[in-house]
PDB file of N, CA and C in Angstrom:
ATOM      1  N   UNK A   1     112.053 111.734 110.203  1.00  0.00           N
ATOM      2  CA  UNK A   1     110.414 112.149 111.212  1.00  0.00           C
ATOM      3  C   UNK A   1     110.013 113.403 111.045  1.00  0.00           C
ATOM      4  N   UNK A   2     108.122 113.205 111.302  1.00  0.00           N
ATOM      5  CA  UNK A   2     107.252 114.346 111.283  1.00  0.00           C
ATOM      6  C   UNK A   2     106.107 113.993 112.604  1.00  0.00           C
ATOM      7  N   UNK A   3     106.012 115.117 113.063  1.00  0.00           N
ATOM      8  CA  UNK A   3     104.437 114.774 113.908  1.00  0.00           C
ATOM      9  C   UNK A   3     104.197 115.562 113.029  1.00  0.00           C
ATOM     10  N   UNK A   4     103.072 115.045 113.390  1.00  0.00           N
ATOM     11  CA  UNK A   4     101.883 114.944 112.495  1.00  0.00           C
ATOM     12  C   UNK A   4     101.141 116.046 113.411  1.00  0.00           C
ATOM     13  N   UNK A   5     100.279 115.418 114.735  1.00  0.00           N
ATOM     14  CA  UNK A   5      99.314 115.375 115.824  1.00  0.00           C
ATOM     15  C   UNK A   5      99.615 115.190 117.043  1.00  0.00           C
ATOM     16  N   UNK A   6      98.741 115.134 117.807  1.00  0.00           N
ATOM     17  CA  UNK A   6      98.884 114.922 119.629  1.00  0.00           C
ATOM     18  C   UNK A   6     100.118 113.638 118.863  1.00  0.00           C
ATOM     19  N   UNK A   7     100.088 112.837 119.787  1.00  0.00           N
ATOM     20  CA  UNK A   7     101.161 111.725 119.766  1.00  0.00           C
ATOM     21  C   UNK A   7     101.370 110.777 117.887  1.00  0.00           C
ATOM     22  N   UNK A   8     101.066 110.953 117.416  1.00  0.00           N
ATOM     23  CA  UNK A   8     101.702 110.891 116.108  1.00  0.00           C
ATOM     24  C   UNK A   8     102.264 111.395 115.427  1.00  0.00           C
ATOM     25  N   UNK A   9     103.271 110.213 114.595  1.00  0.00           N
ATOM     26  CA  UNK A   9     104.005 111.055 114.085  1.00  0.00           C
ATOM     27  C   UNK A   9     104.249 110.126 111.811  1.00  0.00           C
ATOM     28  N   UNK A  10     105.077 110.598 111.695  1.00  0.00           N
ATOM     29  CA  UNK A  10     105.132 109.028 110.005  1.00  0.00           C
ATOM     30  C   UNK A  10     107.085 110.006 109.918  1.00  0.00           C
ATOM     31  N   UNK A  11     107.299 108.727 109.248  1.00  0.00           N
ATOM     32  CA  UNK A  11     108.486 109.102 107.932  1.00  0.00           C
ATOM     33  C   UNK A  11     108.572 108.414 106.573  1.00  0.00           C
ATOM     34  N   UNK A  12     109.118 108.746 105.592  1.00  0.00           N
ATOM     35  CA  UNK A  12     109.573 108.462 104.577  1.00  0.00           C
ATOM     36  C   UNK A  12     110.041 106.764 104.099  1.00  0.00           C
ATOM     37  N   UNK A  13     109.254 105.714 104.116  1.00  0.00           N
ATOM     38  CA  UNK A  13     110.063 104.216 103.874  1.00  0.00           C
ATOM     39  C   UNK A  13     110.191 104.375 102.419  1.00  0.00           C
ATOM     40  N   UNK A  14     110.297 105.600 101.328  1.00  0.00           N
ATOM     41  CA  UNK A  14     110.610 104.954  99.944  1.00  0.00           C
ATOM     42  C   UNK A  14     109.897 106.627  99.544  1.00  0.00           C
ATOM     43  N   UNK A  15     110.241 106.648  97.916  1.00  0.00           N
ATOM     44  CA  UNK A  15     109.762 108.056  97.406  1.00  0.00           C
ATOM     45  C   UNK A  15     108.072 108.360  97.888  1.00  0.00           C
ATOM     46  N   UNK A  16     106.965 107.095  98.080  1.00  0.00           N
ATOM     47  CA  UNK A  16     105.473 107.426  97.631  1.00  0.00           C
ATOM     48  C   UNK A  16     105.404 106.586  99.026  1.00  0.00           C
ATOM     49  N   UNK A  17     105.552 105.531  99.693  1.00  0.00           N
ATOM     50  CA  UNK A  17     105.260 105.204 100.616  1.00  0.00           C
ATOM     51  C   UNK A  17     105.704 105.871 102.594  1.00  0.00           C
ATOM     52  N   UNK A  18     104.964 105.996 103.490  1.00  0.00           N
ATOM     53  CA  UNK A  18     104.738 106.284 104.473  1.00  0.00           C
ATOM     54  C   UNK A  18     105.145 105.291 105.612  1.00  0.00           C
ATOM     55  N   UNK A  19     105.187 105.773 106.644  1.00  0.00           N
ATOM     56  CA  UNK A  19     104.965 104.663 107.888  1.00  0.00           C
ATOM     57  C   UNK A  19     104.546 106.186 108.893  1.00  0.00           C
ATOM     58  N   UNK A  20     102.792 105.574 108.848  1.00  0.00           N
ATOM     59  CA  UNK A  20     102.768 106.064 110.836  1.00  0.00           C
ATOM     60  C   UNK A  20     102.249 105.345 111.619  1.00  0.00           C
ATOM     61  N   UNK A  21     102.690 106.060 112.773  1.00  0.00           N
ATOM     62  CA  UNK A  21     103.388 105.899 114.144  1.00  0.00           C
ATOM     63  C   UNK A  21     103.085 106.224 114.999  1.00  0.00           C
ATOM     64  N   UNK A  22     102.382 105.381 116.572  1.00  0.00           N
ATOM     65  CA  UNK A  22     101.997 106.525 117.526  1.00  0.00           C
ATOM     66  C   UNK A  22     103.400 106.582 119.079  1.00  0.00           C
ATOM     67  N   UNK A  23     103.161 107.342 118.866  1.00  0.00           N
ATOM     68  CA  UNK A  23     104.173 107.509 120.264  1.00  0.00           C
ATOM     69  C   UNK A  23     103.516 107.304 121.213  1.00  0.00           C
ATOM     70  N   UNK A  24     103.398 106.830 122.871  1.00  0.00           N
ATOM     71  CA  UNK A  24     103.312 106.413 124.115  1.00  0.00           C
ATOM     72  C   UNK A  24     103.799 105.397 125.263  1.00  0.00           C
ATOM     73  N   UNK A  25     104.455 106.244 126.548  1.00  0.00           N
ATOM     74  CA  UNK A  25     104.861 106.093 127.327  1.00  0.00           C
ATOM     75  C   UNK A  25     105.771 105.112 126.678  1.00  0.00           C
ATOM     76  N   UNK A  26     107.317 104.872 126.041  1.00  0.00           N
ATOM     77  CA  UNK A  26     108.174 104.418 125.918  1.00  0.00           C
ATOM     78  C   UNK A  26     108.321 103.550 124.953  1.00  0.00           C
ATOM     79  N   UNK A  27     106.410 103.402 124.648  1.00  0.00           N
ATOM     80  CA  UNK A  27     106.269 102.016 123.137  1.00  0.00           C
ATOM     81  C   UNK A  27     106.295 103.166 121.871  1.00  0.00           C
ATOM     82  N   UNK A  28     106.246 102.547 120.657  1.00  0.00           N
ATOM     83  CA  UNK A  28     106.337 102.935 119.540  1.00  0.00           C
ATOM     84  C   UNK A  28     105.026 101.626 119.048  1.00  0.00           C
ATOM     85  N   UNK A  29     104.194 102.226 118.218  1.00  0.00           N
ATOM     86  CA  UNK A  29     103.000 101.669 117.852  1.00  0.00           C
ATOM     87  C   UNK A  29     102.990 101.516 116.614  1.00  0.00           C
ATOM     88  N   UNK A  30     103.232 100.604 116.062  1.00  0.00           N
ATOM     89  CA  UNK A  30     103.356 101.124 113.681  1.00  0.00           C
ATOM     90  C   UNK A  30     101.335 101.187 113.368  1.00  0.00           C
ATOM     91  N   UNK A  31     101.181 101.963 112.906  1.00  0.00           N
ATOM     92  CA  UNK A  31      99.015 101.665 112.538  1.00  0.00           C
ATOM     93  C   UNK A  31      99.620 101.516 110.985  1.00  0.00           C
ATOM     94  N   UNK A  32      99.998 102.058 110.915  1.00  0.00           N
ATOM     95  CA  UNK A  32      99.624 102.432 108.638  1.00  0.00           C
ATOM     96  C   UNK A  32     101.395 101.910 107.925  1.00  0.00           C
ATOM     97  N   UNK A  33     101.073 101.321 106.792  1.00  0.00           N
ATOM     98  CA  UNK A  33     102.373 101.864 105.512  1.00  0.00           C
ATOM     99  C   UNK A  33     101.208 101.688 105.080  1.00  0.00           C
ATOM    100  N   UNK A  34     101.792 102.954 103.853  1.00  0.00           N
ATOM    101  CA  UNK A  34     100.888 104.024 102.712  1.00  0.00           C
ATOM    102  C   UNK A  34     101.637 104.767 102.419  1.00  0.00           C
ATOM    103  N   UNK A  35     101.156 105.566 101.525  1.00  0.00           N
ATOM    104  CA  UNK A  35     100.269 106.941 100.645  1.00  0.00           C
ATOM    105  C   UNK A  35      99.971 107.537 101.356  1.00  0.00           C
ATOM    106  N   UNK A  36     100.595 108.794 101.040  1.00  0.00           N
ATOM    107  CA  UNK A  36     100.170 110.133 102.091  1.00  0.00           C
ATOM    108  C   UNK A  36      99.261 110.277 102.083  1.00  0.00           C
ATOM    109  N   UNK A  37      97.995 109.863 100.944  1.00  0.00           N
ATOM    110  CA  UNK A  37      96.735 109.823 100.709  1.00  0.00           C
ATOM    111  C   UNK A  37      96.105 109.074 101.895  1.00  0.00           C
ATOM    112  N   UNK A  38      96.633 107.821 101.894  1.00  0.00           N
ATOM    113  CA  UNK A  38      96.318 106.723 102.621  1.00  0.00           C
ATOM    114  C   UNK A  38      96.791 107.234 104.299  1.00  0.00           C
ATOM    115  N   UNK A  39      97.858 107.957 104.741  1.00  0.00           N
ATOM    116  CA  UNK A  39      98.104 108.826 105.520  1.00  0.00           C
ATOM    117  C   UNK A  39      96.606 109.308 105.993  1.00  0.00           C
ATOM    118  N   UNK A  40      96.489 110.347 105.196  1.00  0.00           N
ATOM    119  CA  UNK A  40      95.497 111.840 105.472  1.00  0.00           C
ATOM    120  C   UNK A  40      94.643 110.866 106.041  1.00  0.00           C
ATOM    121  N   UNK A  41      93.409 109.912 105.061  1.00  0.00           N
ATOM    122  CA  UNK A  41      91.895 109.674 105.195  1.00  0.00           C
ATOM    123  C   UNK A  41      92.487 108.208 107.158  1.00  0.00           C
ATOM    124  N   UNK A  42      93.785 108.039 107.285  1.00  0.00           N
ATOM    125  CA  UNK A  42      93.171 107.521 109.138  1.00  0.00           C
ATOM    126  C   UNK A  42      93.431 108.031 109.523  1.00  0.00           C
ATOM    127  N   UNK A  43      94.111 109.624 110.098  1.00  0.00           N
ATOM    128  CA  UNK A  43      93.537 110.703 110.624  1.00  0.00           C
ATOM    129  C   UNK A  43      92.974 110.780 110.228  1.00  0.00           C
ATOM    130  N   UNK A  44      91.515 111.065 109.633  1.00  0.00           N
ATOM    131  CA  UNK A  44      90.300 111.840 109.847  1.00  0.00           C
ATOM    132  C   UNK A  44      89.422 110.774 110.334  1.00  0.00           C
ATOM    133  N   UNK A  45      89.410 109.935 110.676  1.00  0.00           N
ATOM    134  CA  UNK A  45      89.130 108.984 111.210  1.00  0.00           C
ATOM    135  C   UNK A  45      89.386 109.356 112.992  1.00  0.00           C
ATOM    136  N   UNK A  46      90.804 109.991 113.106  1.00  0.00           N
ATOM    137  CA  UNK A  46      90.565 110.299 114.970  1.00  0.00           C
ATOM    138  C   UNK A  46      89.778 111.748 115.229  1.00  0.00           C
TER     139      UNK A  46
END
């Protein structure tokens, strides 16, 4: 698990895949399953 910024975190789900999630008030919201580049593109939109 790795803290990215704010409430965003990620963890690896294989060699090339990652899961991006958001931690808020005792809840975890899974946002994205994809590559490192997919995560970077998604975070640029925030």
